[in-house]
Amino acid sequence: LFSRRGYNIDSLSVGASEDIRYSRITVSLHGDERVVEQIQKQLA
C-alpha cells in the first residue's frame, strides 16, 4: 500500500502482539498531516 502510493517508509518493525491472532507493525514515516490521514484511511 505504501509503495503503490509512493510513500516512503523510514522504519519498519513487526512482531507478535499480546494476542496471538494479531501482529503489531510499527511504521515510521515523514509527511504532512493530510498524507498520514490518507494512509491511515487506506490501511483501515
ModelCIF file with pLDDT and N, C-alpha, C, O atoms, coordinates in Angstrom:
data_MODEL
#
_entry.id   MODEL 
#
_entity.id                         1 
_entity.type                       polymer 
_entity.pdbx_number_of_molecules   1 
#
_entity_poly.entity_id                      1 
_entity_poly.type                           'polypeptide(L)' 
_entity_poly.nstd_linkage                   no 
_entity_poly.nstd_monomer                   no 
_entity_poly.pdbx_seq_one_letter_code       LFSRRGYNIDSLSVGASEDIRYSRITVSLHGDERVVEQIQKQLA 
_entity_poly.pdbx_seq_one_letter_code_can   LFSRRGYNIDSLSVGASEDIRYSRITVSLHGDERVVEQIQKQLA 
_entity_poly.pdbx_strand_id                 A 
#
loop_
_entity_poly_seq.entity_id 
_entity_poly_seq.num 
_entity_poly_seq.mon_id 
_entity_poly_seq.hetero 
1 1  LEU n 
1 2  PHE n 
1 3  SER n 
1 4  ARG n 
1 5  ARG n 
1 6  GLY n 
1 7  TYR n 
1 8  ASN n 
1 9  ILE n 
1 10 ASP n 
1 11 SER n 
1 12 LEU n 
1 13 SER n 
1 14 VAL n 
1 15 GLY n 
1 16 ALA n 
1 17 SER n 
1 18 GLU n 
1 19 ASP n 
1 20 ILE n 
1 21 ARG n 
1 22 TYR n 
1 23 SER n 
1 24 ARG n 
1 25 ILE n 
1 26 THR n 
1 27 VAL n 
1 28 SER n 
1 29 LEU n 
1 30 HIS n 
1 31 GLY n 
1 32 ASP n 
1 33 GLU n 
1 34 ARG n 
1 35 VAL n 
1 36 VAL n 
1 37 GLU n 
1 38 GLN n 
1 39 ILE n 
1 40 GLN n 
1 41 LYS n 
1 42 GLN n 
1 43 LEU n 
1 44 ALA n 
#
_struct_asym.id          A 
_struct_asym.entity_id   1 
#
loop_
_ma_qa_metric.id 
_ma_qa_metric.mode 
_ma_qa_metric.name 
_ma_qa_metric.software_group_id 
_ma_qa_metric.type 
1 global pLDDT . pLDDT 
2 local  pLDDT . pLDDT 
#
_ma_qa_metric_global.metric_id      1 
_ma_qa_metric_global.metric_value   90.07 
_ma_qa_metric_global.model_id       1 
_ma_qa_metric_global.ordinal_id     1 
#
loop_
_ma_qa_metric_local.label_asym_id 
_ma_qa_metric_local.label_comp_id 
_ma_qa_metric_local.label_seq_id 
_ma_qa_metric_local.metric_id 
_ma_qa_metric_local.metric_value 
_ma_qa_metric_local.model_id 
_ma_qa_metric_local.ordinal_id 
A LEU 1  2 89.00 1 1  
A PHE 2  2 88.00 1 2  
A SER 3  2 87.00 1 3  
A ARG 4  2 86.00 1 4  
A ARG 5  2 82.00 1 5  
A GLY 6  2 85.00 1 6  
A TYR 7  2 86.00 1 7  
A ASN 8  2 88.00 1 8  
A ILE 9  2 92.00 1 9  
A ASP 10 2 91.00 1 10 
A SER 11 2 92.00 1 11 
A LEU 12 2 93.00 1 12 
A SER 13 2 94.00 1 13 
A VAL 14 2 94.00 1 14 
A GLY 15 2 92.00 1 15 
A ALA 16 2 90.00 1 16 
A SER 17 2 89.00 1 17 
A GLU 18 2 90.00 1 18 
A ASP 19 2 91.00 1 19 
A ILE 20 2 91.00 1 20 
A ARG 21 2 93.00 1 21 
A TYR 22 2 94.00 1 22 
A SER 23 2 94.00 1 23 
A ARG 24 2 95.00 1 24 
A ILE 25 2 94.00 1 25 
A THR 26 2 95.00 1 26 
A VAL 27 2 94.00 1 27 
A SER 28 2 93.00 1 28 
A LEU 29 2 91.00 1 29 
A HIS 30 2 88.00 1 30 
A GLY 31 2 83.00 1 31 
A ASP 32 2 86.00 1 32 
A GLU 33 2 87.00 1 33 
A ARG 34 2 88.00 1 34 
A VAL 35 2 85.00 1 35 
A VAL 36 2 88.00 1 36 
A GLU 37 2 90.00 1 37 
A GLN 38 2 89.00 1 38 
A ILE 39 2 90.00 1 39 
A GLN 40 2 92.00 1 40 
A LYS 41 2 91.00 1 41 
A GLN 42 2 90.00 1 42 
A LEU 43 2 92.00 1 43 
A ALA 44 2 91.00 1 44 
#
loop_
_atom_site.group_PDB 
_atom_site.id 
_atom_site.type_symbol 
_atom_site.label_atom_id 
_atom_site.label_alt_id 
_atom_site.label_comp_id 
_atom_site.label_asym_id 
_atom_site.label_entity_id 
_atom_site.label_seq_id 
_atom_site.pdbx_PDB_ins_code 
_atom_site.Cartn_x 
_atom_site.Cartn_y 
_atom_site.Cartn_z 
_atom_site.occupancy 
_atom_site.B_iso_or_equiv 
_atom_site.pdbx_formal_charge 
_atom_site.auth_seq_id 
_atom_site.auth_comp_id 
_atom_site.auth_asym_id 
_atom_site.auth_atom_id 
_atom_site.pdbx_PDB_model_num 
ATOM 1   N N  . LEU A 1 1  ? 0.837   -1.201  0.000  1.00 89.00 ? 1  LEU A N  1 
ATOM 2   C CA . LEU A 1 1  ? 0.000   0.000   0.000  1.00 89.00 ? 1  LEU A CA 1 
ATOM 3   C C  . LEU A 1 1  ? 0.874   1.254   0.000  1.00 89.00 ? 1  LEU A C  1 
ATOM 4   O O  . LEU A 1 1  ? 0.591   2.213   -0.718 1.00 89.00 ? 1  LEU A O  1 
ATOM 5   N N  . PHE A 1 2  ? 1.923   1.242   0.799  1.00 88.00 ? 2  PHE A N  1 
ATOM 6   C CA . PHE A 1 2  ? 2.832   2.394   0.858  1.00 88.00 ? 2  PHE A CA 1 
ATOM 7   C C  . PHE A 1 2  ? 3.540   2.576   -0.487 1.00 88.00 ? 2  PHE A C  1 
ATOM 8   O O  . PHE A 1 2  ? 3.570   3.682   -1.028 1.00 88.00 ? 2  PHE A O  1 
ATOM 9   N N  . SER A 1 3  ? 4.104   1.505   -1.021 1.00 87.00 ? 3  SER A N  1 
ATOM 10  C CA . SER A 1 3  ? 4.896   1.639   -2.244 1.00 87.00 ? 3  SER A CA 1 
ATOM 11  C C  . SER A 1 3  ? 4.032   1.993   -3.452 1.00 87.00 ? 3  SER A C  1 
ATOM 12  O O  . SER A 1 3  ? 4.462   2.783   -4.293 1.00 87.00 ? 3  SER A O  1 
ATOM 13  N N  . ARG A 1 4  ? 2.842   1.438   -3.563 1.00 86.00 ? 4  ARG A N  1 
ATOM 14  C CA . ARG A 1 4  ? 1.957   1.755   -4.698 1.00 86.00 ? 4  ARG A CA 1 
ATOM 15  C C  . ARG A 1 4  ? 1.579   3.223   -4.729 1.00 86.00 ? 4  ARG A C  1 
ATOM 16  O O  . ARG A 1 4  ? 1.339   3.783   -5.800 1.00 86.00 ? 4  ARG A O  1 
ATOM 17  N N  . ARG A 1 5  ? 1.523   3.847   -3.569 1.00 82.00 ? 5  ARG A N  1 
ATOM 18  C CA . ARG A 1 5  ? 1.123   5.253   -3.499 1.00 82.00 ? 5  ARG A CA 1 
ATOM 19  C C  . ARG A 1 5  ? 2.325   6.206   -3.391 1.00 82.00 ? 5  ARG A C  1 
ATOM 20  O O  . ARG A 1 5  ? 2.159   7.415   -3.234 1.00 82.00 ? 5  ARG A O  1 
ATOM 21  N N  . GLY A 1 6  ? 3.523   5.641   -3.478 1.00 85.00 ? 6  GLY A N  1 
ATOM 22  C CA . GLY A 1 6  ? 4.722   6.464   -3.480 1.00 85.00 ? 6  GLY A CA 1 
ATOM 23  C C  . GLY A 1 6  ? 5.125   7.013   -2.122 1.00 85.00 ? 6  GLY A C  1 
ATOM 24  O O  . GLY A 1 6  ? 5.856   8.000   -2.054 1.00 85.00 ? 6  GLY A O  1 
ATOM 25  N N  . TYR A 1 7  ? 4.666   6.397   -1.039 1.00 86.00 ? 7  TYR A N  1 
ATOM 26  C CA . TYR A 1 7  ? 5.042   6.824   0.306  1.00 86.00 ? 7  TYR A CA 1 
ATOM 27  C C  . TYR A 1 7  ? 6.280   6.050   0.746  1.00 86.00 ? 7  TYR A C  1 
ATOM 28  O O  . TYR A 1 7  ? 6.346   4.833   0.576  1.00 86.00 ? 7  TYR A O  1 
ATOM 29  N N  . ASN A 1 8  ? 7.248   6.744   1.302  1.00 88.00 ? 8  ASN A N  1 
ATOM 30  C CA . ASN A 1 8  ? 8.463   6.099   1.768  1.00 88.00 ? 8  ASN A CA 1 
ATOM 31  C C  . ASN A 1 8  ? 8.334   5.725   3.235  1.00 88.00 ? 8  ASN A C  1 
ATOM 32  O O  . ASN A 1 8  ? 7.858   6.521   4.044  1.00 88.00 ? 8  ASN A O  1 
ATOM 33  N N  . ILE A 1 9  ? 8.754   4.526   3.575  1.00 92.00 ? 9  ILE A N  1 
ATOM 34  C CA . ILE A 1 9  ? 8.792   4.069   4.968  1.00 92.00 ? 9  ILE A CA 1 
ATOM 35  C C  . ILE A 1 9  ? 10.199  4.313   5.486  1.00 92.00 ? 9  ILE A C  1 
ATOM 36  O O  . ILE A 1 9  ? 11.165  3.803   4.918  1.00 92.00 ? 9  ILE A O  1 
ATOM 37  N N  . ASP A 1 10 ? 10.326  5.092   6.566  1.00 91.00 ? 10 ASP A N  1 
ATOM 38  C CA . ASP A 1 10 ? 11.630  5.353   7.172  1.00 91.00 ? 10 ASP A CA 1 
ATOM 39  C C  . ASP A 1 10 ? 12.096  4.166   8.005  1.00 91.00 ? 10 ASP A C  1 
ATOM 40  O O  . ASP A 1 10 ? 13.280  3.829   8.009  1.00 91.00 ? 10 ASP A O  1 
ATOM 41  N N  . SER A 1 11 ? 11.165  3.535   8.708  1.00 92.00 ? 11 SER A N  1 
ATOM 42  C CA . SER A 1 11 ? 11.494  2.431   9.599  1.00 92.00 ? 11 SER A CA 1 
ATOM 43  C C  . SER A 1 11 ? 10.288  1.509   9.688  1.00 92.00 ? 11 SER A C  1 
ATOM 44  O O  . SER A 1 11 ? 9.143   1.958   9.659  1.00 92.00 ? 11 SER A O  1 
ATOM 45  N N  . LEU A 1 12 ? 10.563  0.211   9.797  1.00 93.00 ? 12 LEU A N  1 
ATOM 46  C CA . LEU A 1 12 ? 9.501   -0.788  9.866  1.00 93.00 ? 12 LEU A CA 1 
ATOM 47  C C  . LEU A 1 12 ? 9.920   -1.892  10.823 1.00 93.00 ? 12 LEU A C  1 
ATOM 48  O O  . LEU A 1 12 ? 11.021  -2.431  10.706 1.00 93.00 ? 12 LEU A O  1 
ATOM 49  N N  . SER A 1 13 ? 9.057   -2.228  11.762 1.00 94.00 ? 13 SER A N  1 
ATOM 50  C CA . SER A 1 13 ? 9.308   -3.388  12.615 1.00 94.00 ? 13 SER A CA 1 
ATOM 51  C C  . SER A 1 13 ? 7.995   -4.134  12.801 1.00 94.00 ? 13 SER A C  1 
ATOM 52  O O  . SER A 1 13 ? 6.916   -3.542  12.829 1.00 94.00 ? 13 SER A O  1 
ATOM 53  N N  . VAL A 1 14 ? 8.116   -5.442  12.927 1.00 94.00 ? 14 VAL A N  1 
ATOM 54  C CA . VAL A 1 14 ? 6.937   -6.297  13.032 1.00 94.00 ? 14 VAL A CA 1 
ATOM 55  C C  . VAL A 1 14 ? 7.198   -7.349  14.095 1.00 94.00 ? 14 VAL A C  1 
ATOM 56  O O  . VAL A 1 14 ? 8.304   -7.881  14.193 1.00 94.00 ? 14 VAL A O  1 
ATOM 57  N N  . GLY A 1 15 ? 6.187   -7.646  14.884 1.00 92.00 ? 15 GLY A N  1 
ATOM 58  C CA . GLY A 1 15 ? 6.325   -8.704  15.872 1.00 92.00 ? 15 GLY A CA 1 
ATOM 59  C C  . GLY A 1 15 ? 4.972   -9.114  16.422 1.00 92.00 ? 15 GLY A C  1 
ATOM 60  O O  . GLY A 1 15 ? 3.957   -8.454  16.202 1.00 92.00 ? 15 GLY A O  1 
ATOM 61  N N  . ALA A 1 16 ? 4.991   -10.206 17.132 1.00 90.00 ? 16 ALA A N  1 
ATOM 62  C CA . ALA A 1 16 ? 3.771   -10.718 17.755 1.00 90.00 ? 16 ALA A CA 1 
ATOM 63  C C  . ALA A 1 16 ? 3.260   -9.710  18.784 1.00 90.00 ? 16 ALA A C  1 
ATOM 64  O O  . ALA A 1 16 ? 4.037   -8.970  19.387 1.00 90.00 ? 16 ALA A O  1 
ATOM 65  N N  . SER A 1 17 ? 1.954   -9.697  18.972 1.00 89.00 ? 17 SER A N  1 
ATOM 66  C CA . SER A 1 17 ? 1.347   -8.819  19.976 1.00 89.00 ? 17 SER A CA 1 
ATOM 67  C C  . SER A 1 17 ? 0.927   -9.652  21.182 1.00 89.00 ? 17 SER A C  1 
ATOM 68  O O  . SER A 1 17 ? 1.258   -10.833 21.283 1.00 89.00 ? 17 SER A O  1 
ATOM 69  N N  . GLU A 1 18 ? 0.194   -9.019  22.092 1.00 90.00 ? 18 GLU A N  1 
ATOM 70  C CA . GLU A 1 18 ? -0.300  -9.715  23.284 1.00 90.00 ? 18 GLU A CA 1 
ATOM 71  C C  . GLU A 1 18 ? -1.358  -10.762 22.954 1.00 90.00 ? 18 GLU A C  1 
ATOM 72  O O  . GLU A 1 18 ? -1.626  -11.651 23.762 1.00 90.00 ? 18 GLU A O  1 
ATOM 73  N N  . ASP A 1 19 ? -1.956  -10.663 21.777 1.00 91.00 ? 19 ASP A N  1 
ATOM 74  C CA . ASP A 1 19 ? -2.978  -11.602 21.300 1.00 91.00 ? 19 ASP A CA 1 
ATOM 75  C C  . ASP A 1 19 ? -2.379  -12.367 20.121 1.00 91.00 ? 19 ASP A C  1 
ATOM 76  O O  . ASP A 1 19 ? -2.006  -11.755 19.120 1.00 91.00 ? 19 ASP A O  1 
ATOM 77  N N  . ILE A 1 20 ? -2.283  -13.691 20.223 1.00 91.00 ? 20 ILE A N  1 
ATOM 78  C CA . ILE A 1 20 ? -1.618  -14.485 19.184 1.00 91.00 ? 20 ILE A CA 1 
ATOM 79  C C  . ILE A 1 20 ? -2.288  -14.386 17.814 1.00 91.00 ? 20 ILE A C  1 
ATOM 80  O O  . ILE A 1 20 ? -1.695  -14.770 16.806 1.00 91.00 ? 20 ILE A O  1 
ATOM 81  N N  . ARG A 1 21 ? -3.496  -13.884 17.773 1.00 93.00 ? 21 ARG A N  1 
ATOM 82  C CA . ARG A 1 21 ? -4.177  -13.735 16.478 1.00 93.00 ? 21 ARG A CA 1 
ATOM 83  C C  . ARG A 1 21 ? -3.652  -12.539 15.696 1.00 93.00 ? 21 ARG A C  1 
ATOM 84  O O  . ARG A 1 21 ? -3.886  -12.442 14.491 1.00 93.00 ? 21 ARG A O  1 
ATOM 85  N N  . TYR A 1 22 ? -2.939  -11.619 16.367 1.00 94.00 ? 22 TYR A N  1 
ATOM 86  C CA . TYR A 1 22 ? -2.519  -10.381 15.730 1.00 94.00 ? 22 TYR A CA 1 
ATOM 87  C C  . TYR A 1 22 ? -1.016  -10.140 15.858 1.00 94.00 ? 22 TYR A C  1 
ATOM 88  O O  . TYR A 1 22 ? -0.372  -10.572 16.814 1.00 94.00 ? 22 TYR A O  1 
ATOM 89  N N  . SER A 1 23 ? -0.483  -9.434  14.861 1.00 94.00 ? 23 SER A N  1 
ATOM 90  C CA . SER A 1 23 ? 0.886   -8.919  14.911 1.00 94.00 ? 23 SER A CA 1 
ATOM 91  C C  . SER A 1 23 ? 0.802   -7.405  14.917 1.00 94.00 ? 23 SER A C  1 
ATOM 92  O O  . SER A 1 23 ? -0.156  -6.823  14.408 1.00 94.00 ? 23 SER A O  1 
ATOM 93  N N  . ARG A 1 24 ? 1.814   -6.771  15.498 1.00 95.00 ? 24 ARG A N  1 
ATOM 94  C CA . ARG A 1 24 ? 1.876   -5.319  15.523 1.00 95.00 ? 24 ARG A CA 1 
ATOM 95  C C  . ARG A 1 24 ? 2.962   -4.875  14.545 1.00 95.00 ? 24 ARG A C  1 
ATOM 96  O O  . ARG A 1 24 ? 4.114   -5.300  14.642 1.00 95.00 ? 24 ARG A O  1 
ATOM 97  N N  . ILE A 1 25 ? 2.580   -4.020  13.607 1.00 94.00 ? 25 ILE A N  1 
ATOM 98  C CA . ILE A 1 25 ? 3.525   -3.419  12.676 1.00 94.00 ? 25 ILE A CA 1 
ATOM 99  C C  . ILE A 1 25 ? 3.714   -1.975  13.109 1.00 94.00 ? 25 ILE A C  1 
ATOM 100 O O  . ILE A 1 25 ? 2.742   -1.233  13.251 1.00 94.00 ? 25 ILE A O  1 
ATOM 101 N N  . THR A 1 26 ? 4.967   -1.574  13.319 1.00 95.00 ? 26 THR A N  1 
ATOM 102 C CA . THR A 1 26 ? 5.263   -0.188  13.653 1.00 95.00 ? 26 THR A CA 1 
ATOM 103 C C  . THR A 1 26 ? 5.964   0.428   12.450 1.00 95.00 ? 26 THR A C  1 
ATOM 104 O O  . THR A 1 26 ? 7.009   -0.053  12.011 1.00 95.00 ? 26 THR A O  1 
ATOM 105 N N  . VAL A 1 27 ? 5.377   1.499   11.923 1.00 94.00 ? 27 VAL A N  1 
ATOM 106 C CA . VAL A 1 27 ? 5.903   2.170   10.742 1.00 94.00 ? 27 VAL A CA 1 
ATOM 107 C C  . VAL A 1 27 ? 6.224   3.615   11.100 1.00 94.00 ? 27 VAL A C  1 
ATOM 108 O O  . VAL A 1 27 ? 5.399   4.321   11.680 1.00 94.00 ? 27 VAL A O  1 
ATOM 109 N N  . SER A 1 28 ? 7.417   4.040   10.751 1.00 93.00 ? 28 SER A N  1 
ATOM 110 C CA . SER A 1 28 ? 7.816   5.434   10.906 1.00 93.00 ? 28 SER A CA 1 
ATOM 111 C C  . SER A 1 28 ? 7.932   6.033   9.510  1.00 93.00 ? 28 SER A C  1 
ATOM 112 O O  . SER A 1 28 ? 8.548   5.441   8.624  1.00 93.00 ? 28 SER A O  1 
ATOM 113 N N  . LEU A 1 29 ? 7.337   7.210   9.316  1.00 91.00 ? 29 LEU A N  1 
ATOM 114 C CA . LEU A 1 29 ? 7.372   7.858   8.017  1.00 91.00 ? 29 LEU A CA 1 
ATOM 115 C C  . LEU A 1 29 ? 7.353   9.363   8.181  1.00 91.00 ? 29 LEU A C  1 
ATOM 116 O O  . LEU A 1 29 ? 6.995   9.879   9.240  1.00 91.00 ? 29 LEU A O  1 
ATOM 117 N N  . HIS A 1 30 ? 7.740   10.064  7.127  1.00 88.00 ? 30 HIS A N  1 
ATOM 118 C CA . HIS A 1 30 ? 7.678   11.519  7.116  1.00 88.00 ? 30 HIS A CA 1 
ATOM 119 C C  . HIS A 1 30 ? 6.586   11.959  6.158  1.00 88.00 ? 30 HIS A C  1 
ATOM 120 O O  . HIS A 1 30 ? 6.413   11.386  5.082  1.00 88.00 ? 30 HIS A O  1 
ATOM 121 N N  . GLY A 1 31 ? 5.856   12.980  6.562  1.00 83.00 ? 31 GLY A N  1 
ATOM 122 C CA . GLY A 1 31 ? 4.800   13.510  5.712  1.00 83.00 ? 31 GLY A CA 1 
ATOM 123 C C  . GLY A 1 31 ? 3.963   14.497  6.487  1.00 83.00 ? 31 GLY A C  1 
ATOM 124 O O  . GLY A 1 31 ? 4.080   14.612  7.707  1.00 83.00 ? 31 GLY A O  1 
ATOM 125 N N  . ASP A 1 32 ? 3.117   15.209  5.768  1.00 86.00 ? 32 ASP A N  1 
ATOM 126 C CA . ASP A 1 32 ? 2.239   16.156  6.452  1.00 86.00 ? 32 ASP A CA 1 
ATOM 127 C C  . ASP A 1 32 ? 1.001   15.425  6.979  1.00 86.00 ? 32 ASP A C  1 
ATOM 128 O O  . ASP A 1 32 ? 0.784   14.247  6.693  1.00 86.00 ? 32 ASP A O  1 
ATOM 129 N N  . GLU A 1 33 ? 0.207   16.148  7.749  1.00 87.00 ? 33 GLU A N  1 
ATOM 130 C CA . GLU A 1 33 ? -0.977  15.555  8.395  1.00 87.00 ? 33 GLU A CA 1 
ATOM 131 C C  . GLU A 1 33 ? -1.937  14.944  7.377  1.00 87.00 ? 33 GLU A C  1 
ATOM 132 O O  . GLU A 1 33 ? -2.510  13.882  7.622  1.00 87.00 ? 33 GLU A O  1 
ATOM 133 N N  . ARG A 1 34 ? -2.115  15.611  6.239  1.00 88.00 ? 34 ARG A N  1 
ATOM 134 C CA . ARG A 1 34 ? -3.038  15.124  5.214  1.00 88.00 ? 34 ARG A CA 1 
ATOM 135 C C  . ARG A 1 34 ? -2.587  13.766  4.666  1.00 88.00 ? 34 ARG A C  1 
ATOM 136 O O  . ARG A 1 34 ? -3.398  12.858  4.487  1.00 88.00 ? 34 ARG A O  1 
ATOM 137 N N  . VAL A 1 35 ? -1.284  13.642  4.402  1.00 85.00 ? 35 VAL A N  1 
ATOM 138 C CA . VAL A 1 35 ? -0.742  12.395  3.870  1.00 85.00 ? 35 VAL A CA 1 
ATOM 139 C C  . VAL A 1 35 ? -0.926  11.260  4.878  1.00 85.00 ? 35 VAL A C  1 
ATOM 140 O O  . VAL A 1 35 ? -1.353  10.165  4.512  1.00 85.00 ? 35 VAL A O  1 
ATOM 141 N N  . VAL A 1 36 ? -0.607  11.521  6.138  1.00 88.00 ? 36 VAL A N  1 
ATOM 142 C CA . VAL A 1 36 ? -0.720  10.485  7.167  1.00 88.00 ? 36 VAL A CA 1 
ATOM 143 C C  . VAL A 1 36 ? -2.177  10.082  7.372  1.00 88.00 ? 36 VAL A C  1 
ATOM 144 O O  . VAL A 1 36 ? -2.473  8.899   7.543  1.00 88.00 ? 36 VAL A O  1 
ATOM 145 N N  . GLU A 1 37 ? -3.076  11.039  7.357  1.00 90.00 ? 37 GLU A N  1 
ATOM 146 C CA . GLU A 1 37 ? -4.502  10.732  7.491  1.00 90.00 ? 37 GLU A CA 1 
ATOM 147 C C  . GLU A 1 37 ? -4.976  9.862   6.322  1.00 90.00 ? 37 GLU A C  1 
ATOM 148 O O  . GLU A 1 37 ? -5.756  8.930   6.517  1.00 90.00 ? 37 GLU A O  1 
ATOM 149 N N  . GLN A 1 38 ? -4.517  10.160  5.138  1.00 89.00 ? 38 GLN A N  1 
ATOM 150 C CA . GLN A 1 38 ? -4.885  9.369   3.962  1.00 89.00 ? 38 GLN A CA 1 
ATOM 151 C C  . GLN A 1 38 ? -4.346  7.944   4.081  1.00 89.00 ? 38 GLN A C  1 
ATOM 152 O O  . GLN A 1 38 ? -5.049  6.984   3.765  1.00 89.00 ? 38 GLN A O  1 
ATOM 153 N N  . ILE A 1 39 ? -3.113  7.809   4.530  1.00 90.00 ? 39 ILE A N  1 
ATOM 154 C CA . ILE A 1 39 ? -2.520  6.479   4.717  1.00 90.00 ? 39 ILE A CA 1 
ATOM 155 C C  . ILE A 1 39 ? -3.326  5.682   5.739  1.00 90.00 ? 39 ILE A C  1 
ATOM 156 O O  . ILE A 1 39 ? -3.622  4.508   5.516  1.00 90.00 ? 39 ILE A O  1 
ATOM 157 N N  . GLN A 1 40 ? -3.684  6.315   6.860  1.00 92.00 ? 40 GLN A N  1 
ATOM 158 C CA . GLN A 1 40 ? -4.453  5.626   7.898  1.00 92.00 ? 40 GLN A CA 1 
ATOM 159 C C  . GLN A 1 40 ? -5.785  5.125   7.338  1.00 92.00 ? 40 GLN A C  1 
ATOM 160 O O  . GLN A 1 40 ? -6.185  3.994   7.616  1.00 92.00 ? 40 GLN A O  1 
ATOM 161 N N  . LYS A 1 41 ? -6.462  5.940   6.569  1.00 91.00 ? 41 LYS A N  1 
ATOM 162 C CA . LYS A 1 41 ? -7.750  5.537   5.988  1.00 91.00 ? 41 LYS A CA 1 
ATOM 163 C C  . LYS A 1 41 ? -7.571  4.380   5.018  1.00 91.00 ? 41 LYS A C  1 
ATOM 164 O O  . LYS A 1 41 ? -8.375  3.447   5.009  1.00 91.00 ? 41 LYS A O  1 
ATOM 165 N N  . GLN A 1 42 ? -6.523  4.432   4.202  1.00 90.00 ? 42 GLN A N  1 
ATOM 166 C CA . GLN A 1 42 ? -6.287  3.364   3.242  1.00 90.00 ? 42 GLN A CA 1 
ATOM 167 C C  . GLN A 1 42 ? -5.903  2.060   3.939  1.00 90.00 ? 42 GLN A C  1 
ATOM 168 O O  . GLN A 1 42 ? -6.325  0.982   3.520  1.00 90.00 ? 42 GLN A O  1 
ATOM 169 N N  . LEU A 1 43 ? -5.109  2.159   4.996  1.00 92.00 ? 43 LEU A N  1 
ATOM 170 C CA . LEU A 1 43 ? -4.752  0.964   5.763  1.00 92.00 ? 43 LEU A CA 1 
ATOM 171 C C  . LEU A 1 43 ? -5.986  0.337   6.400  1.00 92.00 ? 43 LEU A C  1 
ATOM 172 O O  . LEU A 1 43 ? -6.147  -0.884  6.384  1.00 92.00 ? 43 LEU A O  1 
ATOM 173 N N  . ALA A 1 44 ? -6.856  1.172   6.960  1.00 91.00 ? 44 ALA A N  1 
ATOM 174 C CA . ALA A 1 44 ? -8.065  0.678   7.628  1.00 91.00 ? 44 ALA A CA 1 
ATOM 175 C C  . ALA A 1 44 ? -8.983  -0.080  6.669  1.00 91.00 ? 44 ALA A C  1 
ATOM 176 O O  . ALA A 1 44 ? -10.041 -0.559  7.077  1.00 91.00 ? 44 ALA A O  1 
#
